[in-house]
N, C-alpha and C. Protein backbone atom coordinates (compact mmCIF):
# COMPACT_ATOMS: atom_id res chain seq x y z
N MET A 1 243.38 64.21 184.03
CA MET A 1 243.47 63.97 185.53
C MET A 1 244.70 64.46 186.23
N LEU A 2 244.41 65.20 187.26
CA LEU A 2 245.76 65.82 188.25
C LEU A 2 246.15 64.61 188.96
N THR A 3 247.70 64.68 188.85
CA THR A 3 248.48 63.65 189.65
C THR A 3 248.81 64.33 190.90
N LEU A 4 249.38 63.60 191.88
CA LEU A 4 249.99 64.08 192.99
C LEU A 4 251.10 64.86 192.81
N ASP A 5 252.05 64.53 191.88
CA ASP A 5 253.35 65.24 191.45
C ASP A 5 252.90 66.50 190.84
N GLN A 6 251.75 66.73 190.21
CA GLN A 6 251.56 67.97 189.65
C GLN A 6 250.93 68.65 190.50
N LEU A 7 250.21 68.22 191.54
CA LEU A 7 249.69 69.04 192.71
C LEU A 7 250.65 69.60 193.37
N ARG A 8 251.80 68.73 193.66
CA ARG A 8 253.08 69.27 194.38
C ARG A 8 253.77 70.36 193.36
N HIS A 9 253.85 70.32 192.29
CA HIS A 9 254.46 71.28 191.46
C HIS A 9 253.57 72.67 191.73
N LEU A 10 252.03 72.71 191.45
CA LEU A 10 251.33 73.73 191.72
C LEU A 10 251.36 74.24 193.20
N LEU A 11 251.40 73.47 194.32
CA LEU A 11 251.48 74.04 195.64
C LEU A 11 252.84 74.58 195.62
N ARG A 12 253.94 74.17 195.08
CA ARG A 12 255.02 75.03 195.21
C ARG A 12 255.04 76.36 194.51
N GLU A 13 254.51 76.33 193.25
CA GLU A 13 254.46 77.56 192.41
C GLU A 13 253.53 78.49 192.61
N SER A 14 252.43 78.07 193.42
CA SER A 14 251.19 79.02 193.84
C SER A 14 251.45 79.96 195.05
N ALA A 15 251.94 78.88 196.08
CA ALA A 15 252.06 79.27 197.51
C ALA A 15 253.56 79.18 198.09
N GLY A 16 254.61 78.58 197.33
CA GLY A 16 255.60 78.32 197.88
C GLY A 16 255.57 77.19 198.75
N ALA A 17 256.76 77.07 199.37
CA ALA A 17 256.64 75.77 200.41
C ALA A 17 257.68 76.12 201.78
N ASP A 18 257.16 75.70 202.80
CA ASP A 18 258.01 75.82 204.05
C ASP A 18 259.18 74.81 203.87
N GLU A 19 260.39 75.56 203.99
CA GLU A 19 261.77 74.77 204.10
C GLU A 19 261.56 73.47 205.12
N ASP A 20 260.76 73.61 205.84
CA ASP A 20 260.74 72.48 206.91
C ASP A 20 259.78 71.08 206.27
N VAL A 21 258.80 71.49 205.34
CA VAL A 21 257.86 70.43 205.09
C VAL A 21 258.54 69.87 203.40
N ASP A 22 258.36 68.41 203.81
CA ASP A 22 259.02 67.65 202.76
C ASP A 22 257.70 67.21 201.66
N LEU A 23 257.38 68.27 200.84
CA LEU A 23 256.48 67.80 199.91
C LEU A 23 256.55 66.66 199.02
N ASP A 24 257.76 66.12 198.78
CA ASP A 24 257.92 65.03 198.19
C ASP A 24 257.75 63.73 198.79
N GLY A 25 257.73 63.82 200.21
CA GLY A 25 257.37 62.70 201.09
C GLY A 25 255.79 62.14 200.85
N ASP A 26 255.45 61.16 201.72
CA ASP A 26 254.05 60.72 201.87
C ASP A 26 253.00 61.79 202.31
N ILE A 27 252.60 62.83 201.40
CA ILE A 27 251.49 63.93 201.96
C ILE A 27 250.21 63.90 201.47
N LEU A 28 249.98 62.57 201.01
CA LEU A 28 248.39 62.56 200.60
C LEU A 28 247.46 62.81 201.70
N ASP A 29 247.74 62.18 202.79
CA ASP A 29 246.68 62.41 204.07
C ASP A 29 247.35 63.22 205.02
N THR A 30 248.24 64.23 204.65
CA THR A 30 248.68 65.08 205.45
C THR A 30 247.94 66.35 205.17
N GLY A 31 247.33 66.91 206.56
CA GLY A 31 246.69 68.24 206.58
C GLY A 31 247.33 69.40 205.71
N PHE A 32 246.72 70.05 204.92
CA PHE A 32 247.27 71.39 204.26
C PHE A 32 247.94 72.24 205.37
N GLU A 33 247.38 72.40 206.41
CA GLU A 33 247.95 73.27 207.58
C GLU A 33 249.00 72.70 208.06
N ALA A 34 249.26 71.46 208.13
CA ALA A 34 250.47 70.92 208.61
C ALA A 34 251.55 70.92 207.66
N LEU A 35 251.13 70.89 206.40
CA LEU A 35 252.28 71.24 205.18
C LEU A 35 252.50 72.85 205.21
N GLY A 36 251.89 73.36 205.67
CA GLY A 36 252.19 74.89 205.74
C GLY A 36 251.26 75.89 205.17
N TYR A 37 250.30 75.32 204.57
CA TYR A 37 249.39 76.08 203.43
C TYR A 37 248.32 76.44 204.12
N ASP A 38 247.91 77.90 204.44
CA ASP A 38 246.68 78.32 204.70
C ASP A 38 245.54 78.28 203.88
N SER A 39 244.40 78.93 204.18
CA SER A 39 243.13 78.80 203.21
C SER A 39 243.55 79.79 201.97
N ILE A 40 244.10 80.61 202.20
CA ILE A 40 244.58 81.70 200.95
C ILE A 40 245.39 80.87 200.15
N ALA A 41 246.54 80.13 200.44
CA ALA A 41 247.55 79.60 199.60
C ALA A 41 246.67 78.47 199.03
N LEU A 42 245.64 77.72 199.70
CA LEU A 42 244.89 76.83 199.03
C LEU A 42 244.17 77.42 197.88
N ILE A 43 243.45 78.60 198.21
CA ILE A 43 242.46 79.19 197.14
C ILE A 43 243.44 79.49 195.91
N GLU A 44 244.49 80.11 196.25
CA GLU A 44 245.46 80.48 195.01
C GLU A 44 245.84 79.08 194.21
N THR A 45 245.85 78.08 194.70
CA THR A 45 246.44 76.80 194.21
C THR A 45 245.11 76.33 193.47
N VAL A 46 243.89 76.27 194.05
CA VAL A 46 242.80 75.71 193.29
C VAL A 46 242.29 76.73 192.09
N ALA A 47 242.52 77.94 192.07
CA ALA A 47 242.28 78.90 191.05
C ALA A 47 243.21 78.70 190.03
N ARG A 48 244.54 78.27 190.36
CA ARG A 48 245.21 77.95 189.36
C ARG A 48 244.86 76.62 188.58
N ILE A 49 244.38 75.40 189.29
CA ILE A 49 244.17 74.46 188.85
C ILE A 49 243.09 74.69 187.83
N GLY A 50 242.03 75.56 188.27
CA GLY A 50 240.96 75.68 187.58
C GLY A 50 241.44 76.47 186.14
N ARG A 51 242.28 77.19 186.24
CA ARG A 51 242.69 78.04 185.10
C ARG A 51 243.36 77.01 184.04
N GLU A 52 244.17 76.19 184.73
CA GLU A 52 245.40 75.28 183.81
C GLU A 52 244.39 74.07 183.50
N HIS A 53 243.33 73.62 184.30
CA HIS A 53 242.88 72.29 183.92
C HIS A 53 241.27 72.59 183.38
N GLY A 54 241.02 73.94 183.25
CA GLY A 54 239.48 74.15 182.92
C GLY A 54 238.38 73.41 183.80
N VAL A 55 238.69 73.37 185.18
CA VAL A 55 237.78 72.91 186.09
C VAL A 55 237.07 74.01 187.00
N ARG A 56 235.91 74.03 187.03
CA ARG A 56 235.15 75.07 187.96
C ARG A 56 234.91 74.16 189.17
N PHE A 57 234.88 74.99 190.31
CA PHE A 57 234.63 74.19 191.67
C PHE A 57 233.69 75.18 192.40
N ASP A 58 232.84 74.45 193.20
CA ASP A 58 231.80 75.19 193.85
C ASP A 58 232.56 75.50 195.35
N ASP A 59 232.61 76.94 195.64
CA ASP A 59 233.34 77.67 196.63
C ASP A 59 233.30 76.74 197.89
N ASP A 60 232.13 75.90 198.23
CA ASP A 60 232.02 75.39 199.57
C ASP A 60 232.78 73.93 199.38
N ALA A 61 232.85 73.32 198.23
CA ALA A 61 233.50 72.21 198.29
C ALA A 61 235.19 72.31 198.33
N VAL A 62 235.50 73.54 197.76
CA VAL A 62 236.83 73.85 198.10
C VAL A 62 237.44 74.16 199.39
N THR A 63 236.38 74.58 200.12
CA THR A 63 236.81 74.82 201.71
C THR A 63 236.68 73.49 202.37
N THR A 64 236.25 72.61 201.81
CA THR A 64 236.04 71.58 202.79
C THR A 64 237.03 70.36 202.58
N VAL A 65 237.89 70.67 201.45
CA VAL A 65 239.08 69.78 201.32
C VAL A 65 240.27 70.08 202.56
N ARG A 66 240.78 69.12 203.01
CA ARG A 66 241.72 69.22 204.09
C ARG A 66 243.04 68.57 203.70
N THR A 67 243.12 67.71 202.92
CA THR A 67 244.51 66.93 202.54
C THR A 67 244.58 66.90 200.85
N PRO A 68 245.82 66.69 200.51
CA PRO A 68 245.95 66.65 199.14
C PRO A 68 245.20 65.53 198.47
N ARG A 69 244.98 64.55 199.10
CA ARG A 69 244.19 63.39 198.39
C ARG A 69 242.58 63.71 198.36
N GLU A 70 242.27 64.67 199.43
CA GLU A 70 240.65 65.09 199.00
C GLU A 70 240.80 66.04 197.92
N LEU A 71 241.77 67.12 197.87
CA LEU A 71 241.96 67.89 196.70
C LEU A 71 241.88 67.46 195.34
N LEU A 72 242.79 66.18 195.27
CA LEU A 72 242.99 65.66 193.95
C LEU A 72 241.72 64.81 193.73
N GLU A 73 241.02 64.29 194.78
CA GLU A 73 239.56 63.61 194.37
C GLU A 73 238.52 64.64 193.91
N LEU A 74 238.49 65.87 194.46
CA LEU A 74 237.63 66.83 194.10
C LEU A 74 237.81 67.39 192.60
N VAL A 75 239.18 67.34 192.19
CA VAL A 75 239.57 67.87 191.02
C VAL A 75 239.33 66.71 189.88
N ASN A 76 239.83 65.54 190.34
CA ASN A 76 239.58 64.66 189.09
C ASN A 76 238.09 64.12 189.17
N ASP A 77 237.30 64.10 190.14
CA ASP A 77 235.90 63.95 190.07
C ASP A 77 235.36 64.92 189.01
N ALA A 78 235.52 66.12 189.22
CA ALA A 78 235.24 67.46 188.40
C ALA A 78 235.57 67.34 186.95
N ASN A 79 236.93 66.71 186.81
CA ASN A 79 237.17 66.20 185.31
C ASN A 79 236.33 65.18 184.86
N VAL A 80 236.09 64.06 185.40
CA VAL A 80 235.38 63.30 185.01
C VAL A 80 233.88 63.69 184.71
N LEU A 81 233.24 64.41 185.53
CA LEU A 81 232.12 64.71 185.35
C LEU A 81 232.08 65.80 183.94
N ARG A 82 233.02 66.48 183.93
CA ARG A 82 233.05 67.77 182.77
C ARG A 82 233.38 66.81 181.59
N ALA A 83 234.05 65.74 181.44
CA ALA A 83 234.29 64.97 180.23
C ALA A 83 232.86 64.07 179.98
N GLY A 84 232.22 63.85 181.08
CA GLY A 84 231.21 62.92 180.78
C GLY A 84 230.07 63.64 180.24
């Protein structure tokens, strides 16, 4: 299961962080664009999650996530399906 703290770490390492954005704040429902992450940064983050957590994602599913909460749900649902 991927946690919000792990996602924060991956976002920082994969795509950096805008100095004006507080990733340590309440970001679950903040859009990735508002956090300073474009689609390329999100793709890099998702690719890294796939490599590190052994999760495969449907390309369409990845492009529909808009917030950290949605990405966590996608990753953790995929982990549940994979484990089941």
